[in-house]
N, C-alpha and C. Protein backbone atom coordinates (compact mmCIF):
# COMPACT_ATOMS: atom_id res chain seq x y z
N MET A 1 23.85 6.22 1.94
CA MET A 1 22.87 7.15 1.95
C MET A 1 21.85 6.25 0.89
N ALA A 2 20.92 6.55 1.01
CA ALA A 2 19.87 5.90 0.20
C ALA A 2 19.65 6.30 -1.08
N LYS A 3 19.28 5.70 -1.90
CA LYS A 3 19.41 5.85 -3.26
C LYS A 3 17.94 6.83 -3.46
N TYR A 4 17.12 6.34 -3.14
CA TYR A 4 15.88 6.75 -3.08
C TYR A 4 15.44 7.06 -1.49
N SER A 5 14.31 8.47 -1.41
CA SER A 5 13.75 8.81 -0.32
C SER A 5 12.77 7.67 0.15
N ARG A 6 12.26 7.87 1.62
CA ARG A 6 10.93 6.62 1.88
C ARG A 6 9.95 7.47 1.38
N LEU A 7 9.73 8.85 1.06
CA LEU A 7 8.53 9.43 0.28
C LEU A 7 8.31 8.86 -1.01
N GLU A 8 9.56 8.80 -1.57
CA GLU A 8 9.61 8.42 -3.10
C GLU A 8 9.20 6.79 -3.15
N VAL A 9 9.70 6.17 -2.22
CA VAL A 9 9.06 4.64 -2.36
C VAL A 9 7.93 4.64 -2.03
N ALA A 10 7.49 4.92 -1.10
CA ALA A 10 5.91 5.29 -0.62
C ALA A 10 5.14 5.53 -1.58
N MET A 11 5.53 6.55 -2.67
CA MET A 11 4.65 7.19 -3.71
C MET A 11 4.81 6.00 -4.82
N ALA A 12 5.66 5.43 -5.13
CA ALA A 12 5.78 4.42 -6.00
C ALA A 12 4.92 3.16 -5.79
N MET A 13 5.15 2.85 -4.57
CA MET A 13 4.15 1.51 -3.84
C MET A 13 2.56 1.83 -4.45
N ARG A 14 2.40 3.36 -3.97
CA ARG A 14 1.05 3.55 -4.17
C ARG A 14 0.63 3.72 -5.58
N GLU A 15 1.37 4.21 -6.12
CA GLU A 15 1.12 4.25 -7.73
C GLU A 15 1.20 2.88 -8.42
N SER A 16 1.98 1.96 -7.94
CA SER A 16 1.81 0.80 -8.42
C SER A 16 0.82 -0.33 -8.25
N GLY A 17 0.59 0.13 -6.85
CA GLY A 17 -0.80 -0.95 -6.26
C GLY A 17 -0.20 -2.27 -6.03
N MET A 18 1.06 -2.48 -6.47
CA MET A 18 1.53 -4.06 -6.27
C MET A 18 3.14 -3.82 -5.98
N ILE A 19 3.27 -5.02 -5.07
CA ILE A 19 4.84 -4.98 -4.98
C ILE A 19 5.04 -6.58 -5.01
N PRO A 20 5.74 -7.34 -6.12
CA PRO A 20 5.99 -8.44 -6.51
C PRO A 20 6.98 -8.84 -5.23
N LEU A 21 6.96 -9.86 -4.68
CA LEU A 21 7.71 -10.52 -3.68
C LEU A 21 8.39 -11.65 -4.34
N PHE A 22 9.86 -11.98 -4.21
CA PHE A 22 10.41 -12.75 -4.90
C PHE A 22 11.58 -13.25 -4.26
N PHE A 23 11.84 -14.53 -4.51
CA PHE A 23 13.38 -15.26 -4.43
C PHE A 23 13.92 -16.49 -4.99
N HIS A 24 14.89 -16.50 -5.44
CA HIS A 24 15.35 -17.81 -6.32
C HIS A 24 16.99 -17.62 -5.95
N SER A 25 17.48 -18.58 -5.77
CA SER A 25 18.65 -18.92 -5.77
C SER A 25 19.84 -18.53 -7.06
N ASP A 26 19.14 -18.70 -8.44
CA ASP A 26 19.80 -18.47 -9.49
C ASP A 26 19.70 -17.10 -9.79
N ALA A 27 20.77 -16.36 -10.00
CA ALA A 27 20.46 -14.83 -10.55
C ALA A 27 20.32 -14.78 -11.79
N GLU A 28 20.47 -15.62 -12.63
CA GLU A 28 19.99 -15.42 -13.76
C GLU A 28 18.43 -15.38 -13.92
N LEU A 29 18.05 -16.43 -13.27
CA LEU A 29 16.36 -16.59 -13.45
C LEU A 29 15.93 -15.12 -12.61
N GLY A 30 16.64 -14.58 -11.66
CA GLY A 30 16.09 -13.40 -10.85
C GLY A 30 15.99 -12.46 -11.78
N LYS A 31 17.34 -12.26 -12.68
CA LYS A 31 17.04 -11.27 -13.83
C LYS A 31 15.94 -11.24 -14.64
N LYS A 32 15.44 -12.38 -14.90
CA LYS A 32 14.16 -12.83 -15.74
C LYS A 32 13.24 -12.10 -15.14
N VAL A 33 12.85 -12.39 -14.15
CA VAL A 33 11.73 -12.22 -13.44
C VAL A 33 11.64 -10.70 -13.01
N LEU A 34 12.92 -10.06 -12.72
CA LEU A 34 13.08 -8.85 -12.42
C LEU A 34 12.50 -8.11 -13.84
N LYS A 35 13.32 -8.32 -14.86
CA LYS A 35 12.63 -7.86 -16.25
C LYS A 35 11.15 -7.93 -16.60
N ALA A 36 11.02 -9.09 -16.32
CA ALA A 36 9.40 -9.36 -16.53
C ALA A 36 8.55 -8.71 -15.60
N CYS A 37 8.92 -8.67 -14.49
CA CYS A 37 7.93 -7.44 -13.46
C CYS A 37 7.80 -5.74 -13.92
N TYR A 38 9.27 -5.52 -14.55
CA TYR A 38 9.16 -4.43 -15.00
C TYR A 38 8.53 -4.06 -16.35
N ALA A 39 8.62 -5.34 -17.20
CA ALA A 39 8.01 -4.92 -18.39
C ALA A 39 6.32 -4.81 -18.03
N GLY A 40 5.81 -5.41 -17.06
CA GLY A 40 4.43 -5.59 -16.63
C GLY A 40 4.21 -4.32 -15.97
N GLY A 41 5.09 -3.66 -15.74
CA GLY A 41 4.69 -2.16 -15.11
C GLY A 41 5.04 -2.10 -13.80
N ALA A 42 5.93 -3.20 -12.73
CA ALA A 42 6.11 -2.72 -11.48
C ALA A 42 7.51 -2.11 -11.66
N ARG A 43 7.70 -1.04 -10.79
CA ARG A 43 8.76 -0.34 -10.36
C ARG A 43 9.45 -0.51 -9.27
N LEU A 44 8.46 -1.50 -8.33
CA LEU A 44 9.40 -1.95 -7.06
C LEU A 44 9.33 -3.49 -7.10
N LEU A 45 10.28 -4.23 -6.50
CA LEU A 45 10.16 -5.59 -6.22
C LEU A 45 11.22 -5.95 -5.01
N GLU A 46 10.44 -6.69 -4.33
CA GLU A 46 10.69 -6.81 -2.88
C GLU A 46 11.61 -8.45 -2.92
N PHE A 47 12.99 -8.48 -2.85
CA PHE A 47 13.66 -9.49 -2.74
C PHE A 47 13.85 -10.11 -1.47
N THR A 48 13.24 -11.38 -1.07
CA THR A 48 13.32 -11.89 0.14
C THR A 48 14.87 -12.57 0.47
N ALA A 49 15.22 -12.55 1.61
CA ALA A 49 16.77 -13.07 1.78
C ALA A 49 16.53 -14.20 2.84
N ARG A 50 15.70 -15.32 2.10
CA ARG A 50 15.55 -16.36 2.83
C ARG A 50 16.04 -17.98 2.41
N GLY A 51 16.80 -17.72 1.21
CA GLY A 51 17.51 -18.69 1.14
C GLY A 51 19.22 -18.79 0.38
N ASP A 52 19.62 -19.74 0.15
CA ASP A 52 21.00 -19.81 0.19
C ASP A 52 21.36 -18.94 -1.09
N PHE A 53 22.46 -18.22 -0.79
CA PHE A 53 23.13 -17.44 -1.86
C PHE A 53 22.18 -15.78 -2.33
N ALA A 54 21.23 -15.78 -1.00
CA ALA A 54 20.45 -14.55 -1.13
C ALA A 54 21.30 -13.23 -1.10
N HIS A 55 22.45 -13.20 -0.60
CA HIS A 55 23.30 -12.13 -0.51
C HIS A 55 23.80 -11.71 -2.12
N GLU A 56 24.19 -12.89 -2.71
CA GLU A 56 24.98 -12.84 -3.88
C GLU A 56 24.14 -12.62 -5.18
N VAL A 57 23.06 -12.97 -5.05
CA VAL A 57 21.86 -12.82 -6.06
C VAL A 57 21.33 -11.33 -5.91
N PHE A 58 21.10 -10.98 -4.67
CA PHE A 58 20.64 -9.34 -4.47
C PHE A 58 21.89 -8.53 -5.07
N ALA A 59 23.11 -8.80 -4.92
CA ALA A 59 24.20 -7.95 -5.40
C ALA A 59 23.78 -8.00 -7.09
N GLU A 60 23.77 -8.97 -7.55
CA GLU A 60 23.87 -9.26 -9.08
C GLU A 60 22.62 -8.53 -9.54
N LEU A 61 21.30 -8.38 -8.74
CA LEU A 61 19.92 -7.76 -9.52
C LEU A 61 20.26 -6.45 -8.81
N ASN A 62 21.30 -5.86 -8.10
CA ASN A 62 21.16 -4.68 -7.84
C ASN A 62 22.04 -3.86 -8.84
N LYS A 63 22.78 -4.94 -9.93
CA LYS A 63 23.87 -3.86 -10.70
C LYS A 63 23.23 -3.50 -11.61
């Protein structure tokens, strides 16, 4: 089951006005980017699964 409903996500997208799009194969760099986006007001981040180790990095960011 999803942690947030579709409506909650849509409302967060509308309130934010932006959705940062990001991928890097280094989980530690990903954590830094995620924290910087959050500090800047972003409450959503789209992590693309385009590269090597994407699944592993996403798992680390999701903790």
